[in-house]
Amino acid sequence: MKTRWLYNEPLSLPSPRKAGRGWPQAGRGVRVKVSSRTRETGGKGGFTLIECLVYIGLLAVVLGVATRIFFQSWDDNKALRRNAEDIVRVLHTGDQWRADVRAATGPVQLTDADGAEQLRIPASAGEIVYTFSKGELRRKVSADAVAKVWLANVESSQMRSDLRRDVAAWRWELELKTVKKTARWRPLFTFETVAGGAITR
């Protein structure tokens, strides 16, 4: 509600005798109280149906790209964790292999049984046998023990003697399988050690 006061010039009005009751006297300014209601508008514009469809389409594209990036990052994180676990397992197995070869009490023998590569290491508690077959590396600590899988997902494994002048050395080259076909690097590992006994092949 707004109130405005208007001041006009003196009006020429009938005489008081002729004028009815309530008329203002001539020669005096007239003060008129005018009340008016105003409706304020915000001036906000609306959206058309086409604009809404365009915005929905853009939102769908953004969400699709974000979802794809999220799942790709998730897969990469899982692959990185799996590779880290494989590397730790390979290093542990390599350390154990070197310790077994160094502690050999006799000649270390490399044989081939039914298409499986076997490395026989004589030890004080019995013969230790490393067997590689069908992508798995197994280790057996005695004749009565069960061969346990130490490494799985093995691409290739090659153990060979490295004859040198004064020492009997052994070399083990190991490669793991890659999960992705377009891997940037090959997981290759090489371990070397000196045998405690003489070498025969």
C-alpha atoms as a PDB file:
ATOM      1  CA  MET A   1       0.000   0.000   0.000  1.00  0.00           C
ATOM      2  CA  LYS A   2       1.441   3.354  -1.063  1.00  0.00           C
ATOM      3  CA  THR A   3       0.069   6.804  -0.195  1.00  0.00           C
ATOM      4  CA  ARG A   4       0.646   9.901  -2.271  1.00  0.00           C
ATOM      5  CA  TRP A   5      -0.266  13.467  -1.392  1.00  0.00           C
ATOM      6  CA  LEU A   6      -1.120  15.751  -4.307  1.00  0.00           C
ATOM      7  CA  TYR A   7      -1.200  19.537  -4.062  1.00  0.00           C
ATOM      8  CA  ASN A   8      -3.119  21.299  -6.843  1.00  0.00           C
ATOM      9  CA  GLU A   9      -3.534  24.912  -7.738  1.00  0.00           C
ATOM     10  CA  PRO A  10      -6.585  26.822  -6.331  1.00  0.00           C
ATOM     11  CA  LEU A  11      -9.718  25.669  -8.054  1.00  0.00           C
ATOM     12  CA  SER A  12     -12.708  27.764  -9.131  1.00  0.00           C
ATOM     13  CA  LEU A  13     -15.510  26.114  -7.195  1.00  0.00           C
ATOM     14  CA  PRO A  14     -19.110  27.208  -6.532  1.00  0.00           C
ATOM     15  CA  SER A  15     -19.825  29.418  -3.602  1.00  0.00           C
ATOM     16  CA  PRO A  16     -20.371  27.814  -0.269  1.00  0.00           C
ATOM     17  CA  ARG A  17     -24.023  28.573  -0.443  1.00  0.00           C
ATOM     18  CA  LYS A  18     -24.512  26.732  -3.693  1.00  0.00           C
ATOM     19  CA  ALA A  19     -21.974  24.102  -2.954  1.00  0.00           C
ATOM     20  CA  GLY A  20     -23.140  21.188  -0.990  1.00  0.00           C
ATOM     21  CA  ARG A  21     -21.761  20.086   2.287  1.00  0.00           C
ATOM     22  CA  GLY A  22     -18.331  18.667   2.035  1.00  0.00           C
ATOM     23  CA  TRP A  23     -17.145  20.778  -0.878  1.00  0.00           C
ATOM     24  CA  PRO A  24     -13.947  22.742  -0.285  1.00  0.00           C
ATOM     25  CA  GLN A  25     -14.023  26.490  -0.252  1.00  0.00           C
ATOM     26  CA  ALA A  26     -12.881  28.420  -3.316  1.00  0.00           C
ATOM     27  CA  GLY A  27      -9.421  29.895  -3.358  1.00  0.00           C
ATOM     28  CA  ARG A  28      -7.877  27.285  -1.138  1.00  0.00           C
ATOM     29  CA  GLY A  29      -5.519  24.539  -2.179  1.00  0.00           C
ATOM     30  CA  VAL A  30      -6.982  21.138  -2.334  1.00  0.00           C
ATOM     31  CA  ARG A  31      -5.189  18.354  -0.565  1.00  0.00           C
ATOM     32  CA  VAL A  32      -6.143  15.041  -2.001  1.00  0.00           C
ATOM     33  CA  LYS A  33      -5.098  11.696  -0.499  1.00  0.00           C
ATOM     34  CA  VAL A  34      -4.658   9.135  -3.192  1.00  0.00           C
ATOM     35  CA  SER A  35      -4.061   5.516  -2.332  1.00  0.00           C
ATOM     36  CA  SER A  36      -2.958   2.974  -4.869  1.00  0.00           C
ATOM     37  CA  ARG A  37      -1.790  -0.607  -4.792  1.00  0.00           C
ATOM     38  CA  THR A  38       1.233  -1.562  -6.831  1.00  0.00           C
ATOM     39  CA  ARG A  39       2.212  -5.053  -7.793  1.00  0.00           C
ATOM     40  CA  GLU A  40       5.904  -5.691  -7.933  1.00  0.00           C
ATOM     41  CA  THR A  41       7.237  -8.231 -10.360  1.00  0.00           C
ATOM     42  CA  GLY A  42      10.564 -10.033 -10.043  1.00  0.00           C
ATOM     43  CA  GLY A  43      11.475  -9.951 -13.717  1.00  0.00           C
ATOM     44  CA  LYS A  44      12.612 -13.610 -13.788  1.00  0.00           C
ATOM     45  CA  GLY A  45      12.526 -15.423 -17.114  1.00  0.00           C
ATOM     46  CA  GLY A  46      11.395 -19.015 -17.637  1.00  0.00           C
ATOM     47  CA  PHE A  47      12.840 -21.988 -19.534  1.00  0.00           C
ATOM     48  CA  THR A  48      11.437 -23.427 -22.670  1.00  0.00           C
ATOM     49  CA  LEU A  49      10.980 -27.139 -23.215  1.00  0.00           C
ATOM     50  CA  ILE A  50      13.828 -27.274 -25.733  1.00  0.00           C
ATOM     51  CA  GLU A  51      16.222 -25.642 -23.284  1.00  0.00           C
ATOM     52  CA  CYS A  52      15.260 -28.148 -20.594  1.00  0.00           C
ATOM     53  CA  LEU A  53      15.926 -31.030 -23.005  1.00  0.00           C
ATOM     54  CA  VAL A  54      19.315 -29.566 -23.913  1.00  0.00           C
ATOM     55  CA  TYR A  55      20.281 -29.209 -20.261  1.00  0.00           C
ATOM     56  CA  ILE A  56      19.157 -32.766 -19.518  1.00  0.00           C
ATOM     57  CA  GLY A  57      21.211 -34.057 -22.465  1.00  0.00           C
ATOM     58  CA  LEU A  58      24.323 -32.199 -21.307  1.00  0.00           C
ATOM     59  CA  LEU A  59      23.872 -33.518 -17.783  1.00  0.00           C
ATOM     60  CA  ALA A  60      23.566 -37.075 -19.104  1.00  0.00           C
ATOM     61  CA  VAL A  61      26.780 -36.679 -21.121  1.00  0.00           C
ATOM     62  CA  VAL A  62      28.695 -35.296 -18.142  1.00  0.00           C
ATOM     63  CA  LEU A  63      27.454 -38.068 -15.867  1.00  0.00           C
ATOM     64  CA  GLY A  64      28.340 -40.704 -18.473  1.00  0.00           C
ATOM     65  CA  VAL A  65      31.905 -39.419 -18.873  1.00  0.00           C
ATOM     66  CA  ALA A  66      32.369 -39.112 -15.106  1.00  0.00           C
ATOM     67  CA  THR A  67      31.099 -42.665 -14.557  1.00  0.00           C
ATOM     68  CA  ARG A  68      33.435 -44.059 -17.202  1.00  0.00           C
ATOM     69  CA  ILE A  69      36.437 -42.256 -15.702  1.00  0.00           C
ATOM     70  CA  PHE A  70      35.508 -43.473 -12.224  1.00  0.00           C
ATOM     71  CA  PHE A  71      35.275 -47.142 -13.217  1.00  0.00           C
ATOM     72  CA  GLN A  72      38.462 -46.912 -15.282  1.00  0.00           C
ATOM     73  CA  SER A  73      40.303 -45.463 -12.294  1.00  0.00           C
ATOM     74  CA  TRP A  74      38.818 -48.191 -10.108  1.00  0.00           C
ATOM     75  CA  ASP A  75      40.074 -50.922 -12.475  1.00  0.00           C
ATOM     76  CA  ASP A  76      43.517 -49.325 -12.672  1.00  0.00           C
ATOM     77  CA  ASN A  77      43.670 -49.180  -8.893  1.00  0.00           C
ATOM     78  CA  LYS A  78      42.802 -52.871  -8.615  1.00  0.00           C
ATOM     79  CA  ALA A  79      45.386 -53.795 -11.255  1.00  0.00           C
ATOM     80  CA  LEU A  80      48.056 -51.731  -9.503  1.00  0.00           C
ATOM     81  CA  ARG A  81      47.297 -53.405  -6.178  1.00  0.00           C
ATOM     82  CA  ARG A  82      47.408 -56.857  -7.795  1.00  0.00           C
ATOM     83  CA  ASN A  83      50.736 -56.069  -9.481  1.00  0.00           C
ATOM     84  CA  ALA A  84      52.192 -54.844  -6.207  1.00  0.00           C
ATOM     85  CA  GLU A  85      51.129 -58.051  -4.453  1.00  0.00           C
ATOM     86  CA  ASP A  86      52.628 -60.156  -7.264  1.00  0.00           C
ATOM     87  CA  ILE A  87      55.929 -58.274  -7.071  1.00  0.00           C
ATOM     88  CA  VAL A  88      56.149 -58.784  -3.307  1.00  0.00           C
ATOM     89  CA  ARG A  89      55.371 -62.490  -3.720  1.00  0.00           C
ATOM     90  CA  VAL A  90      57.989 -62.897  -6.463  1.00  0.00           C
ATOM     91  CA  LEU A  91      60.674 -61.149  -4.426  1.00  0.00           C
ATOM     92  CA  HIS A  92      59.901 -63.332  -1.412  1.00  0.00           C
ATOM     93  CA  THR A  93      60.086 -66.478  -3.569  1.00  0.00           C
ATOM     94  CA  GLY A  94      63.365 -65.326  -5.132  1.00  0.00           C
ATOM     95  CA  ASP A  95      64.923 -64.758  -1.722  1.00  0.00           C
ATOM     96  CA  GLN A  96      63.819 -68.224  -0.610  1.00  0.00           C
ATOM     97  CA  TRP A  97      65.184 -69.795  -3.810  1.00  0.00           C
ATOM     98  CA  ARG A  98      68.585 -68.145  -3.326  1.00  0.00           C
ATOM     99  CA  ALA A  99      68.695 -69.228   0.302  1.00  0.00           C
ATOM    100  CA  ASP A 100      67.891 -72.834  -0.670  1.00  0.00           C
ATOM    101  CA  VAL A 101      70.577 -72.905  -3.377  1.00  0.00           C
ATOM    102  CA  ARG A 102      73.205 -71.369  -1.089  1.00  0.00           C
ATOM    103  CA  ALA A 103      72.404 -73.930   1.621  1.00  0.00           C
ATOM    104  CA  ALA A 104      72.730 -76.895  -0.739  1.00  0.00           C
ATOM    105  CA  THR A 105      74.710 -79.771   0.757  1.00  0.00           C
ATOM    106  CA  GLY A 106      75.403 -81.416  -2.576  1.00  0.00           C
ATOM    107  CA  PRO A 107      75.199 -80.888  -6.314  1.00  0.00           C
ATOM    108  CA  VAL A 108      72.105 -79.051  -7.539  1.00  0.00           C
ATOM    109  CA  GLN A 109      70.370 -80.898 -10.377  1.00  0.00           C
ATOM    110  CA  LEU A 110      68.139 -79.489 -13.115  1.00  0.00           C
ATOM    111  CA  THR A 111      65.832 -82.137 -14.606  1.00  0.00           C
ATOM    112  CA  ASP A 112      62.803 -82.387 -16.852  1.00  0.00           C
ATOM    113  CA  ALA A 113      59.987 -84.662 -15.653  1.00  0.00           C
ATOM    114  CA  ASP A 114      56.887 -85.047 -17.848  1.00  0.00           C
ATOM    115  CA  GLY A 115      57.430 -81.682 -19.480  1.00  0.00           C
ATOM    116  CA  ALA A 116      57.843 -79.923 -16.118  1.00  0.00           C
ATOM    117  CA  GLU A 117      61.076 -78.182 -15.188  1.00  0.00           C
ATOM    118  CA  GLN A 118      62.442 -79.338 -11.836  1.00  0.00           C
ATOM    119  CA  LEU A 119      65.325 -78.031  -9.769  1.00  0.00           C
ATOM    120  CA  ARG A 120      66.465 -80.495  -7.089  1.00  0.00           C
ATOM    121  CA  ILE A 121      68.414 -79.022  -4.219  1.00  0.00           C
ATOM    122  CA  PRO A 122      69.883 -81.387  -1.590  1.00  0.00           C
ATOM    123  CA  ALA A 123      69.497 -80.010   1.917  1.00  0.00           C
ATOM    124  CA  SER A 124      70.210 -81.202   5.435  1.00  0.00           C
ATOM    125  CA  ALA A 125      66.528 -81.869   6.175  1.00  0.00           C
ATOM    126  CA  GLY A 126      65.814 -83.479   2.799  1.00  0.00           C
ATOM    127  CA  GLU A 127      65.650 -82.660  -0.876  1.00  0.00           C
ATOM    128  CA  ILE A 128      63.977 -79.403  -1.890  1.00  0.00           C
ATOM    129  CA  VAL A 129      62.308 -79.502  -5.300  1.00  0.00           C
ATOM    130  CA  TYR A 130      61.145 -76.525  -7.355  1.00  0.00           C
ATOM    131  CA  THR A 131      58.715 -77.509 -10.135  1.00  0.00           C
ATOM    132  CA  PHE A 132      57.379 -75.289 -12.885  1.00  0.00           C
ATOM    133  CA  SER A 133      54.374 -76.587 -14.820  1.00  0.00           C
ATOM    134  CA  LYS A 134      51.233 -75.105 -16.381  1.00  0.00           C
ATOM    135  CA  GLY A 135      51.940 -71.553 -15.254  1.00  0.00           C
ATOM    136  CA  GLU A 136      52.547 -72.490 -11.603  1.00  0.00           C
ATOM    137  CA  LEU A 137      55.705 -72.740  -9.531  1.00  0.00           C
ATOM    138  CA  ARG A 138      55.582 -75.303  -6.725  1.00  0.00           C
ATOM    139  CA  ARG A 139      58.021 -75.910  -3.884  1.00  0.00           C
ATOM    140  CA  LYS A 140      58.418 -79.216  -2.063  1.00  0.00           C
ATOM    141  CA  VAL A 141      60.600 -79.351   1.047  1.00  0.00           C
ATOM    142  CA  SER A 142      60.812 -83.138   1.523  1.00  0.00           C
ATOM    143  CA  ALA A 143      59.846 -86.401  -0.093  1.00  0.00           C
ATOM    144  CA  ASP A 144      56.817 -86.858   2.153  1.00  0.00           C
ATOM    145  CA  ALA A 145      55.627 -83.245   2.003  1.00  0.00           C
ATOM    146  CA  VAL A 146      53.047 -81.864  -0.381  1.00  0.00           C
ATOM    147  CA  ALA A 147      54.222 -79.492  -3.092  1.00  0.00           C
ATOM    148  CA  LYS A 148      52.766 -76.067  -2.377  1.00  0.00           C
ATOM    149  CA  VAL A 149      52.039 -73.429  -4.990  1.00  0.00           C
ATOM    150  CA  TRP A 150      54.336 -70.478  -4.404  1.00  0.00           C
ATOM    151  CA  LEU A 151      53.665 -68.548  -7.571  1.00  0.00           C
ATOM    152  CA  ALA A 152      50.719 -68.620  -9.943  1.00  0.00           C
ATOM    153  CA  ASN A 153      50.093 -66.734 -13.153  1.00  0.00           C
ATOM    154  CA  VAL A 154      53.641 -67.399 -14.375  1.00  0.00           C
ATOM    155  CA  GLU A 155      54.351 -66.886 -18.068  1.00  0.00           C
ATOM    156  CA  SER A 156      57.794 -68.468 -18.184  1.00  0.00           C
ATOM    157  CA  SER A 157      60.431 -69.777 -15.808  1.00  0.00           C
ATOM    158  CA  GLN A 158      63.999 -70.788 -16.659  1.00  0.00           C
ATOM    159  CA  MET A 159      66.611 -71.952 -14.169  1.00  0.00           C
ATOM    160  CA  ARG A 160      70.099 -72.677 -15.415  1.00  0.00           C
ATOM    161  CA  SER A 161      73.600 -73.021 -14.122  1.00  0.00           C
ATOM    162  CA  ASP A 162      76.135 -70.296 -14.748  1.00  0.00           C
ATOM    163  CA  LEU A 163      79.568 -71.871 -14.743  1.00  0.00           C
ATOM    164  CA  ARG A 164      82.307 -69.525 -13.624  1.00  0.00           C
ATOM    165  CA  ARG A 165      85.917 -69.893 -12.681  1.00  0.00           C
ATOM    166  CA  ASP A 166      85.879 -70.287  -8.937  1.00  0.00           C
ATOM    167  CA  VAL A 167      82.190 -70.465  -8.022  1.00  0.00           C
ATOM    168  CA  ALA A 168      79.139 -72.485  -8.983  1.00  0.00           C
ATOM    169  CA  ALA A 169      76.432 -69.940  -9.760  1.00  0.00           C
ATOM    170  CA  TRP A 170      72.776 -70.335 -10.696  1.00  0.00           C
ATOM    171  CA  ARG A 171      70.521 -67.980 -12.560  1.00  0.00           C
ATOM    172  CA  TRP A 172      66.717 -67.869 -12.531  1.00  0.00           C
ATOM    173  CA  GLU A 173      64.732 -65.805 -15.025  1.00  0.00           C
ATOM    174  CA  LEU A 174      61.041 -65.433 -14.303  1.00  0.00           C
ATOM    175  CA  GLU A 175      58.239 -63.668 -16.159  1.00  0.00           C
ATOM    176  CA  LEU A 176      54.671 -63.153 -14.930  1.00  0.00           C
ATOM    177  CA  LYS A 177      51.578 -63.003 -17.092  1.00  0.00           C
ATOM    178  CA  THR A 178      50.151 -59.567 -17.781  1.00  0.00           C
ATOM    179  CA  VAL A 179      46.498 -58.892 -17.082  1.00  0.00           C
ATOM    180  CA  LYS A 180      46.121 -56.287 -19.832  1.00  0.00           C
ATOM    181  CA  LYS A 181      46.984 -57.106 -23.432  1.00  0.00           C
ATOM    182  CA  THR A 182      48.371 -53.614 -24.006  1.00  0.00           C
ATOM    183  CA  ALA A 183      50.775 -53.621 -21.053  1.00  0.00           C
ATOM    184  CA  ARG A 184      53.536 -51.016 -21.215  1.00  0.00           C
ATOM    185  CA  TRP A 185      56.106 -53.184 -19.462  1.00  0.00           C
ATOM    186  CA  ARG A 186      56.772 -56.883 -19.004  1.00  0.00           C
ATOM    187  CA  PRO A 187      57.115 -58.190 -15.434  1.00  0.00           C
ATOM    188  CA  LEU A 188      60.554 -59.820 -15.770  1.00  0.00           C
ATOM    189  CA  PHE A 189      62.656 -60.855 -12.774  1.00  0.00           C
ATOM    190  CA  THR A 190      66.187 -62.239 -12.586  1.00  0.00           C
ATOM    191  CA  PHE A 191      67.764 -63.874  -9.529  1.00  0.00           C
ATOM    192  CA  GLU A 192      71.360 -65.042  -9.167  1.00  0.00           C
ATOM    193  CA  THR A 193      73.091 -66.935  -6.408  1.00  0.00           C
ATOM    194  CA  VAL A 194      76.029 -69.198  -5.660  1.00  0.00           C
ATOM    195  CA  ALA A 195      75.397 -72.848  -4.930  1.00  0.00           C
ATOM    196  CA  GLY A 196      76.817 -74.446  -1.825  1.00  0.00           C
ATOM    197  CA  GLY A 197      77.776 -77.714  -3.569  1.00  0.00           C
ATOM    198  CA  ALA A 198      79.071 -78.860  -6.905  1.00  0.00           C
ATOM    199  CA  ILE A 199      76.964 -78.514 -10.064  1.00  0.00           C
ATOM    200  CA  THR A 200      75.741 -81.245 -12.351  1.00  0.00           C
ATOM    201  CA  ARG A 201      73.352 -80.950 -15.270  1.00  0.00           C
END
